[in-house]
């Protein structure tokens, strides 16, 4: 049952994130690309301070996957971890 609960929690989290994104789009009138374009200069100024090197690395060099790829990749990580735990 803990395995089922873990997968269920992952799926619920993914759905909640997607709902939050849709609500934000409706509230702001901006889609993800428009929001990024509007807030990009602020983020660049913040990262240029050098106070957040780990965040700068993730933003600049990290994989930027679409929602489906993010879900599948995260689910793969979760299932791989479950498999490793069960295999002990």
N, C-alpha and C. Protein backbone atom coordinates (compact mmCIF):
# COMPACT_ATOMS: atom_id res chain seq x y z
N UNK A 1 0.79 -1.21 0.00
CA UNK A 1 0.00 0.00 0.00
C UNK A 1 0.84 1.28 0.00
N UNK A 2 2.02 1.29 0.64
CA UNK A 2 2.82 2.52 0.56
C UNK A 2 3.23 2.86 -0.87
N UNK A 3 3.43 1.84 -1.70
CA UNK A 3 3.78 2.09 -3.10
C UNK A 3 2.61 2.76 -3.82
N UNK A 4 1.43 2.24 -3.62
CA UNK A 4 0.23 2.82 -4.24
C UNK A 4 0.05 4.25 -3.74
N UNK A 5 0.24 4.47 -2.44
CA UNK A 5 0.09 5.81 -1.89
C UNK A 5 1.11 6.78 -2.48
N UNK A 6 2.34 6.32 -2.68
CA UNK A 6 3.38 7.19 -3.24
C UNK A 6 3.05 7.58 -4.68
N UNK A 7 2.64 6.62 -5.49
CA UNK A 7 2.28 6.91 -6.88
C UNK A 7 1.06 7.82 -6.92
N UNK A 8 0.09 7.55 -6.07
CA UNK A 8 -1.11 8.37 -6.00
C UNK A 8 -0.76 9.81 -5.63
N UNK A 9 0.10 9.98 -4.63
CA UNK A 9 0.50 11.32 -4.22
C UNK A 9 1.23 12.05 -5.35
N UNK A 10 2.05 11.33 -6.09
CA UNK A 10 2.76 11.95 -7.21
C UNK A 10 1.77 12.44 -8.27
N UNK A 11 0.82 11.59 -8.60
CA UNK A 11 -0.17 11.95 -9.63
C UNK A 11 -1.02 13.14 -9.16
N UNK A 12 -1.46 13.10 -7.91
CA UNK A 12 -2.26 14.21 -7.39
C UNK A 12 -1.45 15.51 -7.41
N UNK A 13 -0.18 15.44 -7.04
CA UNK A 13 0.66 16.63 -7.08
C UNK A 13 0.80 17.19 -8.49
N UNK A 14 0.96 16.31 -9.45
CA UNK A 14 1.08 16.76 -10.85
C UNK A 14 -0.21 17.42 -11.32
N UNK A 15 -1.33 16.85 -10.97
CA UNK A 15 -2.62 17.42 -11.36
C UNK A 15 -2.82 18.78 -10.69
N UNK A 16 -2.48 18.87 -9.41
CA UNK A 16 -2.62 20.15 -8.71
C UNK A 16 -1.74 21.23 -9.32
N UNK A 17 -0.53 20.86 -9.71
CA UNK A 17 0.37 21.83 -10.35
C UNK A 17 -0.25 22.33 -11.66
N UNK A 18 -0.79 21.42 -12.43
CA UNK A 18 -1.40 21.81 -13.70
C UNK A 18 -2.62 22.70 -13.48
N UNK A 19 -3.43 22.37 -12.50
CA UNK A 19 -4.59 23.21 -12.18
C UNK A 19 -4.13 24.60 -11.76
N UNK A 20 -3.10 24.67 -10.92
CA UNK A 20 -2.58 25.97 -10.47
C UNK A 20 -2.08 26.80 -11.65
N UNK A 21 -1.42 26.15 -12.59
CA UNK A 21 -0.94 26.87 -13.78
C UNK A 21 -2.10 27.41 -14.59
N UNK A 22 -3.14 26.62 -14.75
CA UNK A 22 -4.32 27.08 -15.52
C UNK A 22 -5.00 28.25 -14.81
N UNK A 23 -5.10 28.16 -13.48
CA UNK A 23 -5.72 29.26 -12.72
C UNK A 23 -4.88 30.53 -12.85
N UNK A 24 -3.57 30.38 -12.80
CA UNK A 24 -2.69 31.54 -12.94
C UNK A 24 -2.85 32.17 -14.33
N UNK A 25 -2.98 31.33 -15.36
CA UNK A 25 -3.19 31.85 -16.71
C UNK A 25 -4.48 32.66 -16.78
N UNK A 26 -5.54 32.14 -16.18
CA UNK A 26 -6.82 32.85 -16.20
C UNK A 26 -6.73 34.15 -15.39
N UNK A 27 -6.07 34.10 -14.24
CA UNK A 27 -5.99 35.27 -13.37
C UNK A 27 -5.13 36.38 -13.96
N UNK A 28 -4.06 36.02 -14.64
CA UNK A 28 -3.13 37.03 -15.16
C UNK A 28 -3.41 37.38 -16.62
N UNK A 29 -4.08 36.48 -17.32
CA UNK A 29 -4.28 36.68 -18.75
C UNK A 29 -3.05 36.35 -19.56
N UNK A 30 -2.03 35.75 -18.91
CA UNK A 30 -0.78 35.42 -19.60
C UNK A 30 -0.57 33.91 -19.57
N UNK A 31 -0.12 33.37 -20.71
CA UNK A 31 0.27 31.96 -20.71
C UNK A 31 1.70 31.86 -20.18
N UNK A 32 2.21 30.65 -20.11
CA UNK A 32 3.54 30.43 -19.52
C UNK A 32 4.62 31.24 -20.24
N UNK A 33 4.60 31.25 -21.56
CA UNK A 33 5.62 31.97 -22.31
C UNK A 33 5.52 33.47 -22.09
N UNK A 34 4.32 33.98 -22.03
CA UNK A 34 4.14 35.41 -21.79
C UNK A 34 4.61 35.79 -20.38
N UNK A 35 4.29 34.94 -19.40
CA UNK A 35 4.72 35.19 -18.03
C UNK A 35 6.24 35.20 -17.94
N UNK A 36 6.87 34.22 -18.59
CA UNK A 36 8.33 34.15 -18.57
C UNK A 36 8.95 35.40 -19.22
N UNK A 37 8.36 35.84 -20.32
CA UNK A 37 8.89 37.03 -20.99
C UNK A 37 8.73 38.27 -20.11
N UNK A 38 7.63 38.36 -19.40
CA UNK A 38 7.38 39.52 -18.54
C UNK A 38 8.29 39.52 -17.31
N UNK A 39 8.59 38.34 -16.78
CA UNK A 39 9.37 38.25 -15.55
C UNK A 39 10.84 37.89 -15.78
N UNK A 40 11.19 37.60 -17.01
CA UNK A 40 12.57 37.24 -17.33
C UNK A 40 13.59 38.28 -16.92
N UNK A 41 13.35 39.57 -17.24
CA UNK A 41 14.34 40.58 -16.85
C UNK A 41 14.57 40.64 -15.33
N UNK A 42 13.52 40.50 -14.55
CA UNK A 42 13.68 40.48 -13.09
C UNK A 42 14.53 39.29 -12.65
N UNK A 43 14.24 38.13 -13.22
CA UNK A 43 15.00 36.94 -12.87
C UNK A 43 16.47 37.11 -13.26
N UNK A 44 16.73 37.66 -14.42
CA UNK A 44 18.12 37.88 -14.86
C UNK A 44 18.85 38.83 -13.91
N UNK A 45 18.18 39.90 -13.50
CA UNK A 45 18.81 40.84 -12.56
C UNK A 45 19.10 40.15 -11.22
N UNK A 46 18.16 39.33 -10.78
CA UNK A 46 18.34 38.61 -9.51
C UNK A 46 19.51 37.65 -9.60
N UNK A 47 19.59 36.90 -10.68
CA UNK A 47 20.68 35.93 -10.84
C UNK A 47 22.02 36.63 -11.03
N UNK A 48 22.00 37.81 -11.64
CA UNK A 48 23.25 38.55 -11.87
C UNK A 48 23.91 39.00 -10.58
N UNK A 49 23.16 39.04 -9.48
CA UNK A 49 23.75 39.44 -8.20
C UNK A 49 24.76 38.42 -7.69
N UNK A 50 24.66 37.19 -8.17
CA UNK A 50 25.55 36.13 -7.72
C UNK A 50 25.14 35.52 -6.39
N UNK A 51 24.05 35.98 -5.82
CA UNK A 51 23.61 35.47 -4.52
C UNK A 51 22.94 34.10 -4.60
N UNK A 52 22.58 33.68 -5.78
CA UNK A 52 21.86 32.42 -5.94
C UNK A 52 22.51 31.55 -7.01
N UNK A 53 23.73 31.09 -6.79
CA UNK A 53 24.44 30.34 -7.84
C UNK A 53 23.77 29.02 -8.22
N UNK A 54 23.21 28.32 -7.26
CA UNK A 54 22.55 27.04 -7.58
C UNK A 54 21.32 27.29 -8.44
N UNK A 55 20.54 28.30 -8.08
CA UNK A 55 19.36 28.63 -8.88
C UNK A 55 19.76 29.07 -10.28
N UNK A 56 20.82 29.86 -10.38
CA UNK A 56 21.29 30.31 -11.69
C UNK A 56 21.68 29.12 -12.56
N UNK A 57 22.35 28.15 -11.97
CA UNK A 57 22.74 26.96 -12.73
C UNK A 57 21.52 26.20 -13.23
N UNK A 58 20.53 26.03 -12.37
CA UNK A 58 19.32 25.31 -12.77
C UNK A 58 18.58 26.05 -13.87
N UNK A 59 18.44 27.36 -13.71
CA UNK A 59 17.70 28.15 -14.70
C UNK A 59 18.41 28.14 -16.05
N UNK A 60 19.72 28.31 -16.01
CA UNK A 60 20.46 28.41 -17.28
C UNK A 60 20.77 27.06 -17.91
N UNK A 61 21.11 26.06 -17.10
CA UNK A 61 21.62 24.80 -17.65
C UNK A 61 20.68 23.61 -17.46
N UNK A 62 19.66 23.77 -16.65
CA UNK A 62 18.77 22.64 -16.36
C UNK A 62 17.90 22.27 -17.54
N UNK A 63 17.40 21.05 -17.50
CA UNK A 63 16.48 20.60 -18.54
C UNK A 63 15.14 21.31 -18.35
N UNK A 64 14.64 21.88 -19.40
CA UNK A 64 13.34 22.57 -19.36
C UNK A 64 12.36 21.73 -20.19
N UNK A 65 11.68 20.83 -19.49
CA UNK A 65 10.80 19.88 -20.15
C UNK A 65 9.37 20.42 -20.17
N UNK A 66 8.59 19.95 -21.14
CA UNK A 66 7.18 20.32 -21.14
C UNK A 66 6.47 19.50 -20.05
N UNK A 67 5.20 19.78 -19.84
CA UNK A 67 4.46 19.15 -18.74
C UNK A 67 4.44 17.62 -18.86
N UNK A 68 4.23 17.11 -20.06
CA UNK A 68 4.18 15.65 -20.23
C UNK A 68 5.53 15.00 -19.95
N UNK A 69 6.60 15.62 -20.45
CA UNK A 69 7.95 15.08 -20.22
C UNK A 69 8.31 15.16 -18.73
N UNK A 70 7.93 16.25 -18.09
CA UNK A 70 8.19 16.41 -16.66
C UNK A 70 7.47 15.33 -15.87
N UNK A 71 6.21 15.09 -16.21
CA UNK A 71 5.45 14.06 -15.50
C UNK A 71 6.08 12.68 -15.69
N UNK A 72 6.36 12.34 -16.95
CA UNK A 72 6.93 11.01 -17.22
C UNK A 72 8.29 10.83 -16.57
N UNK A 73 9.13 11.84 -16.63
CA UNK A 73 10.46 11.75 -16.04
C UNK A 73 10.36 11.58 -14.52
N UNK A 74 9.53 12.39 -13.89
CA UNK A 74 9.35 12.28 -12.45
C UNK A 74 8.78 10.94 -12.04
N UNK A 75 7.82 10.44 -12.82
CA UNK A 75 7.25 9.14 -12.52
C UNK A 75 8.29 8.04 -12.68
N UNK A 76 9.13 8.16 -13.69
CA UNK A 76 10.22 7.19 -13.85
C UNK A 76 11.15 7.21 -12.64
N UNK A 77 11.50 8.40 -12.16
CA UNK A 77 12.35 8.49 -10.96
C UNK A 77 11.68 7.79 -9.78
N UNK A 78 10.41 8.08 -9.59
CA UNK A 78 9.69 7.48 -8.48
C UNK A 78 9.64 5.97 -8.59
N UNK A 79 9.29 5.47 -9.76
CA UNK A 79 9.19 4.03 -9.95
C UNK A 79 10.55 3.34 -9.84
N UNK A 80 11.59 3.99 -10.34
CA UNK A 80 12.94 3.44 -10.18
C UNK A 80 13.31 3.34 -8.70
N UNK A 81 12.97 4.35 -7.93
CA UNK A 81 13.25 4.31 -6.50
C UNK A 81 12.47 3.22 -5.79
N UNK A 82 11.22 3.05 -6.18
CA UNK A 82 10.41 1.98 -5.61
C UNK A 82 11.00 0.62 -5.96
N UNK A 83 11.39 0.46 -7.22
CA UNK A 83 12.00 -0.82 -7.65
C UNK A 83 13.27 -1.11 -6.87
N UNK A 84 14.11 -0.10 -6.69
CA UNK A 84 15.35 -0.30 -5.94
C UNK A 84 15.07 -0.69 -4.50
N UNK A 85 14.08 -0.09 -3.92
CA UNK A 85 13.72 -0.40 -2.52
C UNK A 85 13.18 -1.83 -2.41
N UNK A 86 12.34 -2.21 -3.36
CA UNK A 86 11.74 -3.55 -3.32
C UNK A 86 12.80 -4.62 -3.58
N UNK A 87 13.78 -4.29 -4.41
CA UNK A 87 14.83 -5.26 -4.80
C UNK A 87 15.82 -5.55 -3.68
N UNK A 88 15.82 -4.75 -2.61
CA UNK A 88 16.79 -4.98 -1.52
C UNK A 88 16.60 -6.30 -0.84
